Structures are given as C-alpha cells and as structure tokens.
Protein backbone atom coordinates (compact mmCIF):
# COMPACT_ATOMS: atom_id res chain seq x y z
CA MET A 1 0.00 0.00 0.00
CA ARG A 2 2.79 2.40 0.92
CA ARG A 3 4.52 1.56 -2.34
CA GLU A 4 1.38 2.42 -4.35
CA LEU A 5 0.94 5.73 -2.51
CA GLY A 6 4.54 6.62 -3.26
CA ARG A 7 3.78 6.51 -6.97
CA TRP A 8 0.96 9.04 -6.78
CA PRO A 9 3.10 12.24 -6.83
CA GLY A 10 4.81 11.07 -10.02
CA ARG A 11 1.50 10.14 -11.62
CA VAL A 12 -0.04 13.50 -10.73
CA ALA A 13 3.00 15.34 -12.11
CA ALA A 14 2.85 13.30 -15.34
CA CYS A 15 -0.84 14.12 -15.75
CA LEU A 16 -0.19 17.81 -15.22
CA VAL A 17 2.67 17.82 -17.75
CA ALA A 18 0.54 15.96 -20.31
CA THR A 19 -2.25 18.51 -19.79
CA VAL A 20 -0.02 21.55 -20.25
CA ILE A 21 2.42 20.18 -22.82
CA ASP A 22 1.29 18.30 -25.93
CA ASP A 23 3.48 15.17 -26.01
CA ARG A 24 2.40 14.14 -29.53
CA CYS A 25 4.32 15.11 -32.65
CA PRO A 26 2.19 17.59 -34.65
CA GLY A 27 3.64 16.19 -37.87
CA CYS A 28 2.94 12.45 -37.56
CA ASP A 29 1.00 12.28 -34.27
CA GLY A 30 3.65 9.94 -32.88
CA GLU A 31 4.77 10.10 -29.28
CA LEU A 32 7.62 12.50 -28.56
CA PRO A 33 10.32 10.74 -26.52
CA GLY A 34 11.26 12.61 -23.35
CA TRP A 35 11.23 16.39 -23.74
CA LEU A 36 11.98 16.38 -27.46
CA GLY A 37 10.06 18.71 -29.68
CA PRO A 38 8.34 20.42 -31.26
CA THR A 39 8.35 17.47 -33.71
CA CYS A 40 9.97 14.05 -33.74
CA PRO A 41 13.41 13.61 -35.37
CA SER A 42 11.82 11.70 -38.26
CA CYS A 43 9.63 14.68 -39.22
CA VAL A 44 12.59 17.06 -38.95
CA ASP A 45 14.54 14.86 -41.37
CA ARG A 46 11.57 14.74 -43.75
CA LEU A 47 11.34 18.53 -43.82
CA HIS A 48 15.02 18.91 -44.69
CA ARG A 49 14.77 16.24 -47.40
CA GLU A 50 11.78 17.96 -49.01
CA ALA A 51 13.40 21.41 -48.96
CA GLY A 52 14.88 22.93 -52.11
CA ARG A 53 13.02 20.91 -54.77
CA CYS A 54 11.67 23.97 -56.53
CA CYS A 55 12.42 26.75 -59.01
CA ARG A 56 15.40 28.79 -57.86
CA HIS A 57 13.61 32.08 -58.59
CA CYS A 58 9.88 31.72 -57.81
CA SER A 59 10.01 28.55 -55.63
CA LEU A 60 7.11 26.88 -57.45
CA PRO A 61 7.46 23.08 -57.62
CA LEU A 62 9.24 21.89 -60.73
CA ALA A 63 7.29 19.78 -63.21
CA ASP A 64 7.92 16.04 -63.50
CA GLY A 65 11.24 15.40 -65.19
CA GLU A 66 12.57 18.92 -64.58
CA GLU A 67 14.09 18.37 -61.15
CA ALA A 68 17.23 16.56 -62.27
CA ASN A 69 18.53 19.08 -64.79
CA VAL A 70 16.56 22.35 -64.49
CA VAL A 71 17.20 25.28 -62.14
CA LEU A 72 14.34 27.55 -63.26
CA CYS A 73 10.76 26.56 -63.99
CA SER A 74 9.49 27.07 -67.54
CA GLY A 75 7.74 30.33 -66.58
CA CYS A 76 10.81 31.94 -64.99
CA ALA A 77 13.03 30.71 -67.83
CA MET A 78 10.90 32.78 -70.21
CA GLU A 79 10.17 35.78 -67.97
CA PRO A 80 11.45 35.79 -64.36
CA ALA A 81 9.29 37.54 -61.79
CA VAL A 82 10.52 40.96 -60.71
CA LEU A 83 10.40 39.99 -57.04
CA PRO A 84 12.13 36.65 -56.34
CA THR A 85 10.31 34.39 -53.91
CA LEU A 86 12.51 32.16 -51.77
CA ALA A 87 10.44 29.41 -50.12
CA PRO A 88 12.33 26.12 -49.72
CA LEU A 89 9.28 23.91 -49.04
CA PRO A 90 6.17 23.13 -51.13
CA HIS A 91 2.88 23.89 -49.40
CA ALA A 92 1.87 20.25 -49.28
CA GLY A 93 2.17 17.25 -47.04
CA LEU A 94 4.12 17.64 -43.82
CA ALA A 95 5.22 21.24 -44.42
CA ALA A 96 1.65 22.44 -45.06
CA HIS A 97 0.44 20.52 -42.01
CA LEU A 98 3.01 22.16 -39.71
CA VAL A 99 2.36 25.66 -41.08
CA GLY A 100 -1.35 25.04 -40.52
CA ALA A 101 -0.67 23.90 -36.96
CA LEU A 102 1.31 27.07 -36.30
CA LYS A 103 -1.44 29.32 -37.68
CA HIS A 104 -4.67 27.56 -36.77
CA GLU A 105 -3.76 25.45 -33.74
CA ARG A 106 -1.57 28.17 -32.19
CA ARG A 107 1.47 25.87 -32.02
CA ARG A 108 3.87 28.77 -31.64
CA GLU A 109 6.77 26.47 -30.80
CA LEU A 110 6.80 25.32 -34.46
CA ALA A 111 8.04 28.74 -35.61
CA GLU A 112 11.60 27.95 -34.52
CA LEU A 113 11.71 24.69 -36.50
CA LEU A 114 10.11 26.18 -39.63
CA ALA A 115 12.45 29.19 -39.50
CA SER A 116 15.45 26.88 -39.10
CA VAL A 117 14.52 24.84 -42.19
CA THR A 118 13.89 28.05 -44.15
CA PHE A 119 17.20 29.57 -43.10
CA SER A 120 19.08 26.42 -44.10
CA ASP A 121 18.38 27.30 -47.75
CA LEU A 122 21.45 28.98 -49.27
CA ARG A 123 19.31 31.35 -51.37
CA VAL A 124 17.59 32.61 -48.22
CA ARG A 125 20.87 33.19 -46.40
CA LEU A 126 22.34 35.13 -49.33
CA ALA A 127 19.24 37.32 -49.68
CA LEU A 128 19.25 38.14 -45.97
CA HIS A 129 22.98 38.84 -46.00
CA GLU A 130 22.46 41.53 -48.64
CA ALA A 131 19.45 43.11 -46.88
CA ASP A 132 19.39 45.79 -44.19
CA GLY A 133 16.34 44.33 -42.44
CA ILE A 134 13.28 42.09 -42.55
CA VAL A 135 9.68 43.28 -42.96
CA PRO A 136 6.98 40.76 -41.98
CA VAL A 137 3.63 40.83 -43.77
CA PRO A 138 1.10 41.90 -41.12
CA SER A 139 -1.87 39.65 -40.36
CA ASP A 140 -5.48 40.65 -40.86
CA PRO A 141 -6.46 42.48 -37.63
CA HIS A 142 -9.43 40.17 -37.02
CA ARG A 143 -7.28 37.04 -37.29
CA LEU A 144 -4.60 38.65 -35.17
CA ARG A 145 -7.14 39.10 -32.38
CA GLU A 146 -8.33 35.51 -32.78
CA ARG A 147 -4.85 33.96 -32.68
CA GLY A 148 -3.23 36.33 -30.24
CA PHE A 149 -0.04 36.45 -32.33
CA ASP A 150 1.14 37.14 -35.88
CA PRO A 151 2.63 34.01 -37.54
CA ALA A 152 4.66 35.94 -40.13
CA ALA A 153 6.09 38.26 -37.46
CA LEU A 154 6.97 35.27 -35.27
CA LEU A 155 8.78 33.59 -38.18
CA ALA A 156 10.51 36.87 -39.03
CA GLU A 157 11.83 37.16 -35.47
CA GLU A 158 13.28 33.64 -35.64
CA ILE A 159 14.78 34.19 -39.10
CA GLY A 160 16.10 37.63 -38.15
CA ARG A 161 17.82 36.18 -35.08
CA ARG A 162 19.62 33.63 -37.23
CA ALA A 163 20.56 36.18 -39.89
CA ASP A 164 21.42 38.93 -37.38
CA ARG A 165 19.04 41.31 -39.15
CA PRO A 166 16.48 43.63 -37.49
CA VAL A 167 12.77 42.94 -37.88
CA LEU A 168 11.08 46.13 -39.09
CA ARG A 169 7.34 46.20 -38.45
CA TRP A 170 6.78 48.94 -40.96
CA LEU A 171 3.46 47.94 -42.53
CA THR A 172 -0.11 48.07 -41.28
CA ARG A 173 -3.12 46.18 -42.63
CA PRO A 174 -6.46 48.00 -42.44
CA ALA A 175 -9.35 46.03 -40.98
CA GLY A 176 -12.38 44.98 -42.99
CA GLN A 177 -10.60 43.60 -46.05
CA PRO A 178 -11.58 40.11 -47.28
CA THR A 179 -9.06 37.36 -46.59
CA GLN A 180 -7.18 35.70 -49.44
CA VAL A 181 -8.11 32.13 -48.48
CA SER A 182 -11.54 31.85 -50.12
CA ARG A 183 -11.02 34.28 -52.99
CA GLY A 184 -10.76 33.35 -56.66
CA ALA A 185 -7.72 33.96 -58.84
CA ARG A 186 -8.80 37.42 -60.05
CA GLU A 187 -9.66 38.64 -56.54
CA ARG A 188 -6.49 37.13 -55.08
CA ARG A 189 -4.28 38.93 -57.61
CA ARG A 190 -5.59 42.26 -56.39
CA GLY A 191 -4.17 41.47 -52.98
CA PRO A 192 -4.87 43.29 -49.71
CA ARG A 193 -3.99 46.93 -49.11
CA PHE A 194 -1.17 47.93 -46.80
CA GLY A 195 -0.39 51.21 -45.15
CA PRO A 196 2.82 52.61 -43.64
CA GLY A 197 3.33 52.17 -39.92
CA LEU A 198 4.65 54.92 -37.67
CA ARG A 199 8.16 53.47 -37.79
CA LEU A 200 8.19 53.51 -41.59
CA ARG A 201 7.07 57.14 -41.56
CA TRP A 202 9.85 57.92 -39.12
CA ALA A 203 12.44 56.09 -41.24
CA ARG A 204 11.37 58.07 -44.31
CA ARG A 205 11.49 61.31 -42.36
CA ARG A 206 15.08 60.53 -41.44
CA GLY A 207 15.90 60.01 -45.11
CA GLN A 208 16.63 56.28 -44.80
CA ARG A 209 16.51 54.21 -47.99
CA LEU A 210 16.92 50.63 -46.89
CA LYS A 211 16.98 47.36 -48.77
CA VAL A 212 14.67 44.88 -47.08
CA VAL A 213 13.37 41.33 -47.46
CA ILE A 214 9.65 40.66 -46.98
CA VAL A 215 8.79 37.63 -44.83
CA ASP A 216 5.51 35.67 -44.92
CA ASP A 217 4.51 32.16 -43.89
CA VAL A 218 2.97 31.01 -47.20
CA VAL A 219 3.06 32.49 -50.72
CA THR A 220 0.35 31.42 -53.17
CA THR A 221 -0.28 33.83 -56.05
CA GLY A 222 2.23 36.35 -54.70
CA ALA A 223 -0.33 39.17 -54.70
CA THR A 224 -0.03 39.85 -50.96
CA VAL A 225 3.76 40.20 -50.96
CA HIS A 226 3.61 42.20 -54.21
CA ARG A 227 1.24 44.73 -52.63
CA ALA A 228 3.51 44.86 -49.58
CA SER A 229 6.51 45.60 -51.80
CA GLU A 230 4.55 48.36 -53.59
CA ALA A 231 3.70 49.98 -50.25
CA LEU A 232 7.37 49.91 -49.21
CA ARG A 233 8.51 51.29 -52.55
CA ALA A 234 5.98 54.13 -52.32
CA TRP A 235 7.67 55.14 -49.07
CA GLY A 236 11.19 55.06 -50.46
CA MET A 237 12.30 51.57 -49.43
CA GLU A 238 13.45 48.73 -51.68
CA ALA A 239 12.08 45.20 -51.31
CA SER A 240 14.74 42.95 -52.85
CA GLY A 241 12.90 39.66 -52.38
CA VAL A 242 10.46 37.53 -50.42
CA VAL A 243 11.27 34.80 -47.93
CA ALA A 244 8.54 32.32 -46.95
CA VAL A 245 8.39 28.87 -45.45
CA THR A 246 6.25 27.32 -48.19
CA ARG A 247 5.11 28.13 -51.72
CA SER A 248 1.72 26.90 -52.90
CA ALA A 249 0.67 26.17 -56.47
CA PHE A 250 -2.66 28.01 -56.59
CA VAL A 251 -5.74 25.98 -57.50
CA GLU A 252 -8.98 27.84 -58.26
CA PRO A 253 -11.53 27.02 -55.52
CA PRO A 254 -14.83 25.48 -56.68
CA ALA A 255 -17.68 27.92 -57.37
C-alpha cells in the first residue's frame, strides 16, 4: 500500500505535464520521446529532405522530369518575376500541415523549426545577408485578435535572429478587407492593401533608404507580398525579395 501511494506524486505530475504540454508530434502524431520537440526527429529529417526541390527564382514546384537538370521553372526561364520568392518547401504534405498547426492550432513552438529549415536554404541566407532588415507581412487584424499572435512576425523574429538582421514592423493592414483564403484567382491577384506604420514614416522622415526582405509564412499567387513591396517602394524603401516557409501552387476554388 505504501509503495502504491509513493507513486501518486509522479503520476499526478505526469498528468499535469501531459495537460499543459502536448506530447504528440504535430507532424505524424507519434509520441515524442522525453522532452523532445516540437516534432519528432523523423519529421525534422523529412522537412530537410523535401526542402529545395523547386524553381530557384519563384520557388514553385518543378514539373515532373525537370528536377534533375533544371534550375528555373518554364515560366521563370521565359520571364522571371521581378520579385524573387525564396520558399524552400512546397505547401503540401508535412510542411503544409506544420504551417497550418502554427497558424490555426496556435502551435507557436513550431516557428523555430520552420524558420530553421527556411534559413538552411542557401538562397535565403544570401538574400538576408544583402538586406538591411526584414519586414513581416502583417496579419489581418481580425485574425490577429483571434490567434493572439502574428505568424509571419513570429517567423521573421526567428529568421532575423539567425541572420542577425532587425525585424522592421513597418506595414499596417487596415481592418475589414476580405481574406485571401476563399477568394478566386482574379480577386487574389488584387491582394490586400497595406499602409505605412509609424516606424516607416519615421524612417522616411530621417531620409533612410533601406533594402529589405519581406517575410511571410505562405506564398500562393504572390499578390499579398507584391502589394507589400509596392507599399514599401511608395515610401522610399526597396524590397529585394520575399522569404517564406512554403510556396503553394494556386488551385482555383470550386464555385
């Protein structure tokens, strides 16, 4: 009896830890051994293996048969986009699942892993090395209130720490604009509107002309980051590229 009672403190502590800390891998739902996390080693290896299999300029997945001997996709080979998009992972499978867990399940601890995989891409490191700072794409105000944090800003902080570059929260996003998720191709290409934040106004007043990289979690049509770059350019700053975790091949939603 005494032996059984002696086990109770450990059982209570284990129950409390399991309640506060999710001990399942968000990637494969497997059990995390010990205090490992935020994902199991197998999912970390999968992410790194999947990274980099994309066009070197726009980060769209390469077509079948292109991967072995092509650096640019057929579209960029003919006419490269003005603003290069550097996203090492396709928005599919494990990568899309983890980005969704970060955004919709509030798994903030995943930002460090996703930023680490993104920063491991040589193109990303070179772009950040040449930039003066990082500008995250601000979330829709309604979603920001729902989540309690901004996923793109959280990723930007992690990436900026690795690159030793300041995170410049220069842009604002007016409330009341429709989200991009459920919009069709034509509406998506218009993108949301962005305004200058107080810090961007102050930087312009001081005569600063900085070269920055825009950071977002997912790029689909590119309209959002393009509108962000236009807003920065209108206020005298240069957006040299976009860094994201994943790039999605846009599919028109059903009517």
